[in-house]
């Protein structure tokens, strides 16, 4: 358990810094509110009204988000595998080939749906 003490200490320090930063910015920061600051921001243009149900995002937005999630999951599994490649032997190689095949299925889906085409 003593090996996790530095990690726990760092997490407490990071959380404390985040809470301290938010509280201090609210206490010390200027409080000059106006209509422009309280209005939603859309790249410097006047915001357009939302539909009653809250407006819909295009499907391409979700496909792009899914692609980034697939990239993240792939890196989370590939990095430890690359570090301990020799220790895992043939079992590790077969498991990683199966994992890469499932990742390529996700890439093929994104490619088919046009997620890799940037306008």
PDB file of N, CA and C in Angstrom:
ATOM      1  N   UNK A   1       0.816  -1.197   0.000  1.00  0.00           N
ATOM      2  CA  UNK A   1       0.000   0.000   0.000  1.00  0.00           C
ATOM      3  C   UNK A   1       0.856   1.255   0.000  1.00  0.00           C
ATOM      4  N   UNK A   2       2.059   1.151   0.543  1.00  0.00           N
ATOM      5  CA  UNK A   2       2.923   2.338   0.622  1.00  0.00           C
ATOM      6  C   UNK A   2       3.404   2.792  -0.755  1.00  0.00           C
ATOM      7  N   UNK A   3       3.333   1.917  -1.756  1.00  0.00           N
ATOM      8  CA  UNK A   3       3.722   2.319  -3.101  1.00  0.00           C
ATOM      9  C   UNK A   3       2.715   3.298  -3.715  1.00  0.00           C
ATOM     10  N   UNK A   4       1.471   3.254  -3.244  1.00  0.00           N
ATOM     11  CA  UNK A   4       0.432   4.123  -3.802  1.00  0.00           C
ATOM     12  C   UNK A   4       0.345   5.467  -3.089  1.00  0.00           C
ATOM     13  N   UNK A   5       1.081   5.638  -2.008  1.00  0.00           N
ATOM     14  CA  UNK A   5       1.032   6.894  -1.254  1.00  0.00           C
ATOM     15  C   UNK A   5       1.451   8.091  -2.102  1.00  0.00           C
ATOM     16  N   UNK A   6       2.537   8.035  -2.884  1.00  0.00           N
ATOM     17  CA  UNK A   6       2.881   9.195  -3.716  1.00  0.00           C
ATOM     18  C   UNK A   6       1.813   9.509  -4.761  1.00  0.00           C
ATOM     19  N   UNK A   7       1.195   8.488  -5.330  1.00  0.00           N
ATOM     20  CA  UNK A   7       0.148   8.712  -6.322  1.00  0.00           C
ATOM     21  C   UNK A   7      -1.054   9.370  -5.669  1.00  0.00           C
ATOM     22  N   UNK A   8      -1.446   8.879  -4.501  1.00  0.00           N
ATOM     23  CA  UNK A   8      -2.559   9.477  -3.774  1.00  0.00           C
ATOM     24  C   UNK A   8      -2.237  10.914  -3.380  1.00  0.00           C
ATOM     25  N   UNK A   9      -1.009  11.145  -2.930  1.00  0.00           N
ATOM     26  CA  UNK A   9      -0.597  12.508  -2.578  1.00  0.00           C
ATOM     27  C   UNK A   9      -0.651  13.444  -3.776  1.00  0.00           C
ATOM     28  N   UNK A  10      -0.221  12.973  -4.930  1.00  0.00           N
ATOM     29  CA  UNK A  10      -0.259  13.800  -6.140  1.00  0.00           C
ATOM     30  C   UNK A  10      -1.692  14.082  -6.558  1.00  0.00           C
ATOM     31  N   UNK A  11      -2.574  13.084  -6.426  1.00  0.00           N
ATOM     32  CA  UNK A  11      -3.977  13.301  -6.766  1.00  0.00           C
ATOM     33  C   UNK A  11      -4.608  14.326  -5.825  1.00  0.00           C
ATOM     34  N   UNK A  12      -4.300  14.247  -4.541  1.00  0.00           N
ATOM     35  CA  UNK A  12      -4.818  15.226  -3.592  1.00  0.00           C
ATOM     36  C   UNK A  12      -4.277  16.620  -3.890  1.00  0.00           C
ATOM     37  N   UNK A  13      -3.009  16.709  -4.230  1.00  0.00           N
ATOM     38  CA  UNK A  13      -2.409  17.995  -4.575  1.00  0.00           C
ATOM     39  C   UNK A  13      -3.051  18.585  -5.828  1.00  0.00           C
ATOM     40  N   UNK A  14      -3.264  17.766  -6.845  1.00  0.00           N
ATOM     41  CA  UNK A  14      -3.887  18.246  -8.087  1.00  0.00           C
ATOM     42  C   UNK A  14      -5.332  18.665  -7.845  1.00  0.00           C
ATOM     43  N   UNK A  15      -6.074  17.871  -7.090  1.00  0.00           N
ATOM     44  CA  UNK A  15      -7.461  18.232  -6.778  1.00  0.00           C
ATOM     45  C   UNK A  15      -7.536  19.507  -5.953  1.00  0.00           C
ATOM     46  N   UNK A  16      -6.639  19.631  -4.976  1.00  0.00           N
ATOM     47  CA  UNK A  16      -6.601  20.848  -4.162  1.00  0.00           C
ATOM     48  C   UNK A  16      -6.269  22.070  -4.987  1.00  0.00           C
ATOM     49  N   UNK A  17      -5.337  21.929  -5.924  1.00  0.00           N
ATOM     50  CA  UNK A  17      -4.984  23.049  -6.794  1.00  0.00           C
ATOM     51  C   UNK A  17      -6.156  23.443  -7.681  1.00  0.00           C
ATOM     52  N   UNK A  18      -6.891  22.464  -8.194  1.00  0.00           N
ATOM     53  CA  UNK A  18      -8.047  22.766  -9.048  1.00  0.00           C
ATOM     54  C   UNK A  18      -9.121  23.503  -8.257  1.00  0.00           C
ATOM     55  N   UNK A  19      -9.436  23.015  -7.066  1.00  0.00           N
ATOM     56  CA  UNK A  19     -10.451  23.672  -6.240  1.00  0.00           C
ATOM     57  C   UNK A  19      -9.980  25.068  -5.837  1.00  0.00           C
ATOM     58  N   UNK A  20      -8.724  25.195  -5.445  1.00  0.00           N
ATOM     59  CA  UNK A  20      -8.165  26.499  -5.061  1.00  0.00           C
ATOM     60  C   UNK A  20      -8.240  27.484  -6.228  1.00  0.00           C
ATOM     61  N   UNK A  21      -7.911  27.045  -7.440  1.00  0.00           N
ATOM     62  CA  UNK A  21      -7.935  27.932  -8.604  1.00  0.00           C
ATOM     63  C   UNK A  21      -9.337  28.428  -8.909  1.00  0.00           C
ATOM     64  N   UNK A  22     -10.313  27.540  -8.845  1.00  0.00           N
ATOM     65  CA  UNK A  22     -11.696  27.944  -9.127  1.00  0.00           C
ATOM     66  C   UNK A  22     -12.205  28.906  -8.059  1.00  0.00           C
ATOM     67  N   UNK A  23     -11.941  28.603  -6.796  1.00  0.00           N
ATOM     68  CA  UNK A  23     -12.412  29.473  -5.715  1.00  0.00           C
ATOM     69  C   UNK A  23     -11.733  30.839  -5.780  1.00  0.00           C
ATOM     70  N   UNK A  24     -10.430  30.867  -5.990  1.00  0.00           N
ATOM     71  CA  UNK A  24      -9.717  32.144  -6.026  1.00  0.00           C
ATOM     72  C   UNK A  24     -10.109  32.986  -7.239  1.00  0.00           C
ATOM     73  N   UNK A  25     -10.389  32.369  -8.357  1.00  0.00           N
ATOM     74  CA  UNK A  25     -10.814  33.159  -9.517  1.00  0.00           C
ATOM     75  C   UNK A  25     -12.178  33.782  -9.275  1.00  0.00           C
ATOM     76  N   UNK A  26     -13.048  33.095  -8.531  1.00  0.00           N
ATOM     77  CA  UNK A  26     -14.356  33.665  -8.205  1.00  0.00           C
ATOM     78  C   UNK A  26     -14.235  34.777  -7.171  1.00  0.00           C
ATOM     79  N   UNK A  27     -13.284  34.646  -6.246  1.00  0.00           N
ATOM     80  CA  UNK A  27     -13.136  35.634  -5.187  1.00  0.00           C
ATOM     81  C   UNK A  27     -12.390  36.876  -5.680  1.00  0.00           C
ATOM     82  N   UNK A  28     -11.293  36.689  -6.390  1.00  0.00           N
ATOM     83  CA  UNK A  28     -10.415  37.791  -6.768  1.00  0.00           C
ATOM     84  C   UNK A  28     -10.783  38.394  -8.125  1.00  0.00           C
ATOM     85  N   UNK A  29     -11.380  37.621  -9.009  1.00  0.00           N
ATOM     86  CA  UNK A  29     -11.648  38.085 -10.370  1.00  0.00           C
ATOM     87  C   UNK A  29     -12.624  39.240 -10.438  1.00  0.00           C
ATOM     88  N   UNK A  30     -12.554  40.013 -11.537  1.00  0.00           N
ATOM     89  CA  UNK A  30     -13.467  41.146 -11.679  1.00  0.00           C
ATOM     90  C   UNK A  30     -14.905  40.678 -11.868  1.00  0.00           C
ATOM     91  N   UNK A  31     -15.822  41.486 -11.445  1.00  0.00           N
ATOM     92  CA  UNK A  31     -17.240  41.140 -11.517  1.00  0.00           C
ATOM     93  C   UNK A  31     -17.993  42.163 -12.363  1.00  0.00           C
ATOM     94  N   UNK A  32     -17.527  42.388 -13.579  1.00  0.00           N
ATOM     95  CA  UNK A  32     -18.171  43.331 -14.484  1.00  0.00           C
ATOM     96  C   UNK A  32     -18.989  42.552 -15.502  1.00  0.00           C
ATOM     97  N   UNK A  33     -20.253  42.352 -15.210  1.00  0.00           N
ATOM     98  CA  UNK A  33     -21.119  41.589 -16.097  1.00  0.00           C
ATOM     99  C   UNK A  33     -21.829  42.543 -17.050  1.00  0.00           C
ATOM    100  N   UNK A  34     -21.969  42.118 -18.292  1.00  0.00           N
ATOM    101  CA  UNK A  34     -22.771  42.855 -19.262  1.00  0.00           C
ATOM    102  C   UNK A  34     -23.433  41.843 -20.191  1.00  0.00           C
ATOM    103  N   UNK A  35     -24.266  42.327 -21.090  1.00  0.00           N
ATOM    104  CA  UNK A  35     -25.019  41.425 -21.957  1.00  0.00           C
ATOM    105  C   UNK A  35     -24.102  40.606 -22.855  1.00  0.00           C
ATOM    106  N   UNK A  36     -23.026  41.203 -23.332  1.00  0.00           N
ATOM    107  CA  UNK A  36     -22.118  40.494 -24.232  1.00  0.00           C
ATOM    108  C   UNK A  36     -21.407  39.351 -23.514  1.00  0.00           C
ATOM    109  N   UNK A  37     -21.043  39.542 -22.258  1.00  0.00           N
ATOM    110  CA  UNK A  37     -20.363  38.479 -21.517  1.00  0.00           C
ATOM    111  C   UNK A  37     -21.295  37.339 -21.156  1.00  0.00           C
ATOM    112  N   UNK A  38     -22.543  37.650 -20.876  1.00  0.00           N
ATOM    113  CA  UNK A  38     -23.489  36.622 -20.471  1.00  0.00           C
ATOM    114  C   UNK A  38     -24.118  35.908 -21.653  1.00  0.00           C
ATOM    115  N   UNK A  39     -23.921  36.417 -22.867  1.00  0.00           N
ATOM    116  CA  UNK A  39     -24.495  35.804 -24.058  1.00  0.00           C
ATOM    117  C   UNK A  39     -23.625  34.631 -24.508  1.00  0.00           C
ATOM    118  N   UNK A  40     -24.224  33.653 -25.158  1.00  0.00           N
ATOM    119  CA  UNK A  40     -23.434  32.518 -25.646  1.00  0.00           C
ATOM    120  C   UNK A  40     -22.562  32.973 -26.813  1.00  0.00           C
ATOM    121  N   UNK A  41     -21.413  32.333 -26.966  1.00  0.00           N
ATOM    122  CA  UNK A  41     -20.424  32.751 -27.963  1.00  0.00           C
ATOM    123  C   UNK A  41     -20.416  31.775 -29.126  1.00  0.00           C
ATOM    124  N   UNK A  42     -20.536  32.295 -30.330  1.00  0.00           N
ATOM    125  CA  UNK A  42     -20.479  31.474 -31.534  1.00  0.00           C
ATOM    126  C   UNK A  42     -19.531  32.104 -32.544  1.00  0.00           C
ATOM    127  N   UNK A  43     -18.253  32.052 -32.268  1.00  0.00           N
ATOM    128  CA  UNK A  43     -17.201  32.488 -33.191  1.00  0.00           C
ATOM    129  C   UNK A  43     -17.334  33.960 -33.581  1.00  0.00           C
ATOM    130  N   UNK A  44     -17.782  34.796 -32.697  1.00  0.00           N
ATOM    131  CA  UNK A  44     -17.819  36.216 -32.959  1.00  0.00           C
ATOM    132  C   UNK A  44     -19.038  36.714 -33.704  1.00  0.00           C
ATOM    133  N   UNK A  45     -19.970  35.838 -34.038  1.00  0.00           N
ATOM    134  CA  UNK A  45     -21.177  36.279 -34.727  1.00  0.00           C
ATOM    135  C   UNK A  45     -22.354  36.227 -33.763  1.00  0.00           C
ATOM    136  N   UNK A  46     -23.422  36.871 -34.124  1.00  0.00           N
ATOM    137  CA  UNK A  46     -24.610  36.840 -33.280  1.00  0.00           C
ATOM    138  C   UNK A  46     -25.135  35.411 -33.194  1.00  0.00           C
ATOM    139  N   UNK A  47     -25.421  34.926 -31.993  1.00  0.00           N
ATOM    140  CA  UNK A  47     -25.917  33.542 -31.868  1.00  0.00           C
ATOM    141  C   UNK A  47     -27.296  33.387 -32.500  1.00  0.00           C
ATOM    142  N   UNK A  48     -27.489  32.243 -33.111  1.00  0.00           N
ATOM    143  CA  UNK A  48     -28.780  31.934 -33.714  1.00  0.00           C
ATOM    144  C   UNK A  48     -29.656  31.246 -32.676  1.00  0.00           C
ATOM    145  N   UNK A  49     -30.950  31.460 -32.723  1.00  0.00           N
ATOM    146  CA  UNK A  49     -31.816  30.811 -31.720  1.00  0.00           C
ATOM    147  C   UNK A  49     -31.860  29.298 -31.922  1.00  0.00           C
ATOM    148  N   UNK A  50     -31.906  28.580 -30.819  1.00  0.00           N
ATOM    149  CA  UNK A  50     -31.987  27.120 -30.847  1.00  0.00           C
ATOM    150  C   UNK A  50     -33.436  26.691 -31.068  1.00  0.00           C
ATOM    151  N   UNK A  51     -33.585  25.528 -31.626  1.00  0.00           N
ATOM    152  CA  UNK A  51     -34.921  24.957 -31.762  1.00  0.00           C
ATOM    153  C   UNK A  51     -35.469  24.618 -30.378  1.00  0.00           C
ATOM    154  N   UNK A  52     -36.755  24.434 -30.267  1.00  0.00           N
ATOM    155  CA  UNK A  52     -37.391  24.185 -28.976  1.00  0.00           C
ATOM    156  C   UNK A  52     -36.840  22.922 -28.323  1.00  0.00           C
ATOM    157  N   UNK A  53     -36.567  21.906 -29.104  1.00  0.00           N
ATOM    158  CA  UNK A  53     -36.031  20.653 -28.575  1.00  0.00           C
ATOM    159  C   UNK A  53     -34.538  20.702 -28.338  1.00  0.00           C
ATOM    160  N   UNK A  54     -33.874  21.783 -28.676  1.00  0.00           N
ATOM    161  CA  UNK A  54     -32.444  21.901 -28.415  1.00  0.00           C
ATOM    162  C   UNK A  54     -31.574  21.706 -29.633  1.00  0.00           C
ATOM    163  N   UNK A  55     -32.031  21.715 -30.823  1.00  0.00           N
ATOM    164  CA  UNK A  55     -31.183  21.626 -32.005  1.00  0.00           C
ATOM    165  C   UNK A  55     -30.512  20.270 -32.135  1.00  0.00           C
ATOM    166  N   UNK A  56     -30.175  19.893 -33.346  1.00  0.00           N
ATOM    167  CA  UNK A  56     -29.566  18.580 -33.588  1.00  0.00           C
ATOM    168  C   UNK A  56     -28.173  18.754 -34.162  1.00  0.00           C
ATOM    169  N   UNK A  57     -27.271  17.891 -33.745  1.00  0.00           N
ATOM    170  CA  UNK A  57     -25.923  17.869 -34.288  1.00  0.00           C
ATOM    171  C   UNK A  57     -25.896  16.946 -35.496  1.00  0.00           C
ATOM    172  N   UNK A  58     -25.074  17.266 -36.486  1.00  0.00           N
ATOM    173  CA  UNK A  58     -24.967  16.355 -37.623  1.00  0.00           C
ATOM    174  C   UNK A  58     -24.317  15.026 -37.214  1.00  0.00           C
ATOM    175  N   UNK A  59     -24.610  13.987 -37.951  1.00  0.00           N
ATOM    176  CA  UNK A  59     -24.076  12.659 -37.650  1.00  0.00           C
ATOM    177  C   UNK A  59     -22.554  12.662 -37.751  1.00  0.00           C
ATOM    178  N   UNK A  60     -22.007  13.483 -38.633  1.00  0.00           N
ATOM    179  CA  UNK A  60     -20.554  13.530 -38.802  1.00  0.00           C
ATOM    180  C   UNK A  60     -19.855  13.932 -37.497  1.00  0.00           C
ATOM    181  N   UNK A  61     -20.507  14.746 -36.689  1.00  0.00           N
ATOM    182  CA  UNK A  61     -19.948  15.130 -35.396  1.00  0.00           C
ATOM    183  C   UNK A  61     -19.754  13.894 -34.522  1.00  0.00           C
ATOM    184  N   UNK A  62     -20.736  13.045 -34.457  1.00  0.00           N
ATOM    185  CA  UNK A  62     -20.650  11.844 -33.625  1.00  0.00           C
ATOM    186  C   UNK A  62     -19.634  10.845 -34.181  1.00  0.00           C
ATOM    187  N   UNK A  63     -19.542  10.762 -35.492  1.00  0.00           N
ATOM    188  CA  UNK A  63     -18.565   9.852 -36.097  1.00  0.00           C
ATOM    189  C   UNK A  63     -17.150  10.323 -35.793  1.00  0.00           C
ATOM    190  N   UNK A  64     -16.918  11.644 -35.871  1.00  0.00           N
ATOM    191  CA  UNK A  64     -15.597  12.181 -35.535  1.00  0.00           C
ATOM    192  C   UNK A  64     -15.289  11.930 -34.065  1.00  0.00           C
ATOM    193  N   UNK A  65     -16.259  12.114 -33.192  1.00  0.00           N
ATOM    194  CA  UNK A  65     -16.046  11.852 -31.765  1.00  0.00           C
ATOM    195  C   UNK A  65     -15.727  10.378 -31.537  1.00  0.00           C
ATOM    196  N   UNK A  66     -16.431   9.494 -32.237  1.00  0.00           N
ATOM    197  CA  UNK A  66     -16.174   8.067 -32.093  1.00  0.00           C
ATOM    198  C   UNK A  66     -14.759   7.721 -32.576  1.00  0.00           C
ATOM    199  N   UNK A  67     -14.309   8.384 -33.629  1.00  0.00           N
ATOM    200  CA  UNK A  67     -12.970   8.124 -34.140  1.00  0.00           C
ATOM    201  C   UNK A  67     -11.912   8.514 -33.098  1.00  0.00           C
ATOM    202  N   UNK A  68     -12.090   9.646 -32.417  1.00  0.00           N
ATOM    203  CA  UNK A  68     -11.141  10.038 -31.390  1.00  0.00           C
ATOM    204  C   UNK A  68     -11.164   9.066 -30.219  1.00  0.00           C
ATOM    205  N   UNK A  69     -12.317   8.550 -29.866  1.00  0.00           N
ATOM    206  CA  UNK A  69     -12.396   7.560 -28.789  1.00  0.00           C
ATOM    207  C   UNK A  69     -11.661   6.285 -29.184  1.00  0.00           C
ATOM    208  N   UNK A  70     -11.812   5.868 -30.431  1.00  0.00           N
ATOM    209  CA  UNK A  70     -11.104   4.676 -30.902  1.00  0.00           C
ATOM    210  C   UNK A  70      -9.597   4.909 -30.853  1.00  0.00           C
ATOM    211  N   UNK A  71      -9.128   6.101 -31.252  1.00  0.00           N
ATOM    212  CA  UNK A  71      -7.701   6.415 -31.154  1.00  0.00           C
ATOM    213  C   UNK A  71      -7.227   6.316 -29.707  1.00  0.00           C
ATOM    214  N   UNK A  72      -7.990   6.874 -28.775  1.00  0.00           N
ATOM    215  CA  UNK A  72      -7.592   6.852 -27.369  1.00  0.00           C
ATOM    216  C   UNK A  72      -7.511   5.433 -26.831  1.00  0.00           C
ATOM    217  N   UNK A  73      -8.521   4.622 -27.121  1.00  0.00           N
ATOM    218  CA  UNK A  73      -8.526   3.247 -26.633  1.00  0.00           C
ATOM    219  C   UNK A  73      -7.368   2.463 -27.244  1.00  0.00           C
ATOM    220  N   UNK A  74      -7.095   2.721 -28.493  1.00  0.00           N
ATOM    221  CA  UNK A  74      -5.999   2.018 -29.152  1.00  0.00           C
ATOM    222  C   UNK A  74      -4.673   2.342 -28.484  1.00  0.00           C
ATOM    223  N   UNK A  75      -4.420   3.598 -28.188  1.00  0.00           N
ATOM    224  CA  UNK A  75      -3.153   3.986 -27.561  1.00  0.00           C
ATOM    225  C   UNK A  75      -3.055   3.426 -26.146  1.00  0.00           C
ATOM    226  N   UNK A  76      -4.164   3.412 -25.416  1.00  0.00           N
ATOM    227  CA  UNK A  76      -4.142   2.896 -24.042  1.00  0.00           C
ATOM    228  C   UNK A  76      -3.707   1.436 -24.026  1.00  0.00           C
ATOM    229  N   UNK A  77      -4.079   0.668 -25.037  1.00  0.00           N
ATOM    230  CA  UNK A  77      -3.698  -0.745 -25.068  1.00  0.00           C
ATOM    231  C   UNK A  77      -2.377  -0.990 -25.800  1.00  0.00           C
ATOM    232  N   UNK A  78      -2.042  -0.170 -26.783  1.00  0.00           N
ATOM    233  CA  UNK A  78      -0.814  -0.409 -27.543  1.00  0.00           C
ATOM    234  C   UNK A  78       0.446  -0.046 -26.764  1.00  0.00           C
ATOM    235  N   UNK A  79       0.398   0.999 -25.961  1.00  0.00           N
ATOM    236  CA  UNK A  79       1.610   1.425 -25.275  1.00  0.00           C
ATOM    237  C   UNK A  79       2.123   0.378 -24.281  1.00  0.00           C
ATOM    238  N   UNK A  80       1.295  -0.160 -23.372  1.00  0.00           N
ATOM    239  CA  UNK A  80       1.818  -1.195 -22.470  1.00  0.00           C
ATOM    240  C   UNK A  80       2.250  -2.459 -23.216  1.00  0.00           C
ATOM    241  N   UNK A  81       1.541  -2.773 -24.299  1.00  0.00           N
ATOM    242  CA  UNK A  81       1.921  -3.940 -25.081  1.00  0.00           C
ATOM    243  C   UNK A  81       3.307  -3.748 -25.688  1.00  0.00           C
ATOM    244  N   UNK A  82       3.582  -2.547 -26.196  1.00  0.00           N
ATOM    245  CA  UNK A  82       4.891  -2.282 -26.796  1.00  0.00           C
ATOM    246  C   UNK A  82       6.005  -2.315 -25.752  1.00  0.00           C
ATOM    247  N   UNK A  83       5.703  -1.885 -24.528  1.00  0.00           N
ATOM    248  CA  UNK A  83       6.719  -1.867 -23.477  1.00  0.00           C
ATOM    249  C   UNK A  83       7.100  -3.283 -23.055  1.00  0.00           C
ATOM    250  N   UNK A  84       6.110  -4.184 -22.966  1.00  0.00           N
ATOM    251  CA  UNK A  84       6.361  -5.558 -22.514  1.00  0.00           C
ATOM    252  C   UNK A  84       6.200  -6.573 -23.634  1.00  0.00           C
ATOM    253  N   UNK A  85       6.577  -6.211 -24.830  1.00  0.00           N
ATOM    254  CA  UNK A  85       6.399  -7.086 -25.987  1.00  0.00           C
ATOM    255  C   UNK A  85       7.150  -8.408 -25.826  1.00  0.00           C
ATOM    256  N   UNK A  86       8.402  -8.352 -25.396  1.00  0.00           N
ATOM    257  CA  UNK A  86       9.214  -9.569 -25.271  1.00  0.00           C
ATOM    258  C   UNK A  86       8.688 -10.502 -24.189  1.00  0.00           C
ATOM    259  N   UNK A  87       8.157  -9.959 -23.110  1.00  0.00           N
ATOM    260  CA  UNK A  87       7.711 -10.786 -21.989  1.00  0.00           C
ATOM    261  C   UNK A  87       6.434 -11.561 -22.306  1.00  0.00           C
ATOM    262  N   UNK A  88       5.603 -11.079 -23.213  1.00  0.00           N
ATOM    263  CA  UNK A  88       4.324 -11.730 -23.482  1.00  0.00           C
ATOM    264  C   UNK A  88       4.421 -12.850 -24.509  1.00  0.00           C
ATOM    265  N   UNK A  89       5.423 -12.808 -25.350  1.00  0.00           N
ATOM    266  CA  UNK A  89       5.617 -13.878 -26.318  1.00  0.00           C
ATOM    267  C   UNK A  89       4.510 -13.974 -27.357  1.00  0.00           C
ATOM    268  N   UNK A  90       4.243 -15.213 -27.804  1.00  0.00           N
ATOM    269  CA  UNK A  90       3.280 -15.441 -28.874  1.00  0.00           C
ATOM    270  C   UNK A  90       1.847 -15.116 -28.433  1.00  0.00           C
ATOM    271  N   UNK A  91       1.513 -15.369 -27.173  1.00  0.00           N
ATOM    272  CA  UNK A  91       0.177 -15.053 -26.677  1.00  0.00           C
ATOM    273  C   UNK A  91      -0.120 -13.565 -26.813  1.00  0.00           C
ATOM    274  N   UNK A  92       0.825 -12.721 -26.424  1.00  0.00           N
ATOM    275  CA  UNK A  92       0.645 -11.271 -26.542  1.00  0.00           C
ATOM    276  C   UNK A  92       0.509 -10.835 -27.978  1.00  0.00           C
ATOM    277  N   UNK A  93       1.258 -11.468 -28.875  1.00  0.00           N
ATOM    278  CA  UNK A  93       1.178 -11.115 -30.293  1.00  0.00           C
ATOM    279  C   UNK A  93      -0.195 -11.472 -30.868  1.00  0.00           C
ATOM    280  N   UNK A  94      -0.693 -12.646 -30.551  1.00  0.00           N
ATOM    281  CA  UNK A  94      -1.998 -13.067 -31.068  1.00  0.00           C
ATOM    282  C   UNK A  94      -3.105 -12.173 -30.504  1.00  0.00           C
ATOM    283  N   UNK A  95      -3.049 -11.893 -29.216  1.00  0.00           N
ATOM    284  CA  UNK A  95      -4.063 -11.018 -28.617  1.00  0.00           C
ATOM    285  C   UNK A  95      -4.049  -9.635 -29.239  1.00  0.00           C
ATOM    286  N   UNK A  96      -2.865  -9.095 -29.514  1.00  0.00           N
ATOM    287  CA  UNK A  96      -2.789  -7.759 -30.099  1.00  0.00           C
ATOM    288  C   UNK A  96      -3.253  -7.760 -31.548  1.00  0.00           C
ATOM    289  N   UNK A  97      -3.008  -8.828 -32.278  1.00  0.00           N
ATOM    290  CA  UNK A  97      -3.520  -8.920 -33.649  1.00  0.00           C
ATOM    291  C   UNK A  97      -5.048  -8.931 -33.628  1.00  0.00           C
ATOM    292  N   UNK A  98      -5.647  -9.675 -32.708  1.00  0.00           N
ATOM    293  CA  UNK A  98      -7.102  -9.677 -32.581  1.00  0.00           C
ATOM    294  C   UNK A  98      -7.631  -8.291 -32.206  1.00  0.00           C
ATOM    295  N   UNK A  99      -6.926  -7.613 -31.319  1.00  0.00           N
ATOM    296  CA  UNK A  99      -7.342  -6.261 -30.933  1.00  0.00           C
ATOM    297  C   UNK A  99      -7.249  -5.300 -32.114  1.00  0.00           C
ATOM    298  N   UNK A 100      -6.171  -5.363 -32.856  1.00  0.00           N
ATOM    299  CA  UNK A 100      -5.992  -4.471 -34.012  1.00  0.00           C
ATOM    300  C   UNK A 100      -7.065  -4.759 -35.059  1.00  0.00           C
ATOM    301  N   UNK A 101      -7.436  -6.007 -35.229  1.00  0.00           N
ATOM    302  CA  UNK A 101      -8.501  -6.325 -36.188  1.00  0.00           C
ATOM    303  C   UNK A 101      -9.825  -5.684 -35.771  1.00  0.00           C
ATOM    304  N   UNK A 102     -10.145  -5.713 -34.474  1.00  0.00           N
ATOM    305  CA  UNK A 102     -11.378  -5.063 -34.033  1.00  0.00           C
ATOM    306  C   UNK A 102     -11.302  -3.548 -34.185  1.00  0.00           C
ATOM    307  N   UNK A 103     -10.115  -2.980 -33.996  1.00  0.00           N
ATOM    308  CA  UNK A 103      -9.955  -1.536 -34.206  1.00  0.00           C
ATOM    309  C   UNK A 103     -10.140  -1.195 -35.677  1.00  0.00           C
ATOM    310  N   UNK A 104      -9.633  -2.032 -36.561  1.00  0.00           N
ATOM    311  CA  UNK A 104      -9.802  -1.780 -37.990  1.00  0.00           C
ATOM    312  C   UNK A 104     -11.266  -1.871 -38.415  1.00  0.00           C
ATOM    313  N   UNK A 105     -12.059  -2.671 -37.727  1.00  0.00           N
ATOM    314  CA  UNK A 105     -13.500  -2.708 -38.017  1.00  0.00           C
ATOM    315  C   UNK A 105     -14.112  -1.340 -37.716  1.00  0.00           C
ATOM    316  N   UNK A 106     -13.715  -0.736 -36.597  1.00  0.00           N
ATOM    317  CA  UNK A 106     -14.212   0.603 -36.268  1.00  0.00           C
ATOM    318  C   UNK A 106     -13.736   1.622 -37.293  1.00  0.00           C
ATOM    319  N   UNK A 107     -12.475   1.535 -37.709  1.00  0.00           N
ATOM    320  CA  UNK A 107     -11.963   2.453 -38.738  1.00  0.00           C
ATOM    321  C   UNK A 107     -12.711   2.277 -40.052  1.00  0.00           C
ATOM    322  N   UNK A 108     -13.005   1.035 -40.428  1.00  0.00           N
ATOM    323  CA  UNK A 108     -13.740   0.791 -41.671  1.00  0.00           C
ATOM    324  C   UNK A 108     -15.136   1.399 -41.592  1.00  0.00           C
ATOM    325  N   UNK A 109     -15.770   1.303 -40.434  1.00  0.00           N
ATOM    326  CA  UNK A 109     -17.097   1.898 -40.261  1.00  0.00           C
ATOM    327  C   UNK A 109     -17.031   3.415 -40.410  1.00  0.00           C
ATOM    328  N   UNK A 110     -16.033   4.029 -39.763  1.00  0.00           N
ATOM    329  CA  UNK A 110     -15.888   5.486 -39.853  1.00  0.00           C
ATOM    330  C   UNK A 110     -15.580   5.896 -41.285  1.00  0.00           C
ATOM    331  N   UNK A 111     -14.747   5.144 -41.969  1.00  0.00           N
ATOM    332  CA  UNK A 111     -14.394   5.453 -43.358  1.00  0.00           C
ATOM    333  C   UNK A 111     -15.635   5.339 -44.255  1.00  0.00           C
ATOM    334  N   UNK A 112     -16.417   4.282 -44.047  1.00  0.00           N
ATOM    335  CA  UNK A 112     -17.621   4.064 -44.840  1.00  0.00           C
ATOM    336  C   UNK A 112     -18.629   5.195 -44.631  1.00  0.00           C
ATOM    337  N   UNK A 113     -18.748   5.688 -43.401  1.00  0.00           N
ATOM    338  CA  UNK A 113     -19.695   6.762 -43.085  1.00  0.00           C
ATOM    339  C   UNK A 113     -19.184   8.142 -43.456  1.00  0.00           C
ATOM    340  N   UNK A 114     -17.946   8.255 -43.976  1.00  0.00           N
ATOM    341  CA  UNK A 114     -17.403   9.537 -44.407  1.00  0.00           C
ATOM    342  C   UNK A 114     -16.748  10.343 -43.309  1.00  0.00           C
ATOM    343  N   UNK A 115     -16.387   9.697 -42.221  1.00  0.00           N
ATOM    344  CA  UNK A 115     -15.763  10.405 -41.115  1.00  0.00           C
ATOM    345  C   UNK A 115     -14.338  10.841 -41.375  1.00  0.00           C
ATOM    346  N   UNK A 116     -13.689  10.281 -42.364  1.00  0.00           N
ATOM    347  CA  UNK A 116     -12.314  10.649 -42.679  1.00  0.00           C
ATOM    348  C   UNK A 116     -12.228  11.689 -43.792  1.00  0.00           C
ATOM    349  N   UNK A 117     -13.347  12.125 -44.309  1.00  0.00           N
ATOM    350  CA  UNK A 117     -13.366  13.146 -45.363  1.00  0.00           C
ATOM    351  C   UNK A 117     -13.606  14.505 -44.729  1.00  0.00           C
ATOM    352  N   UNK A 118     -12.611  15.379 -44.831  1.00  0.00           N
ATOM    353  CA  UNK A 118     -12.716  16.701 -44.243  1.00  0.00           C
ATOM    354  C   UNK A 118     -13.081  17.700 -45.321  1.00  0.00           C
ATOM    355  N   UNK A 119     -14.163  18.416 -45.104  1.00  0.00           N
ATOM    356  CA  UNK A 119     -14.624  19.402 -46.083  1.00  0.00           C
ATOM    357  C   UNK A 119     -13.910  20.716 -45.920  1.00  0.00           C
TER     358      UNK A 119
END
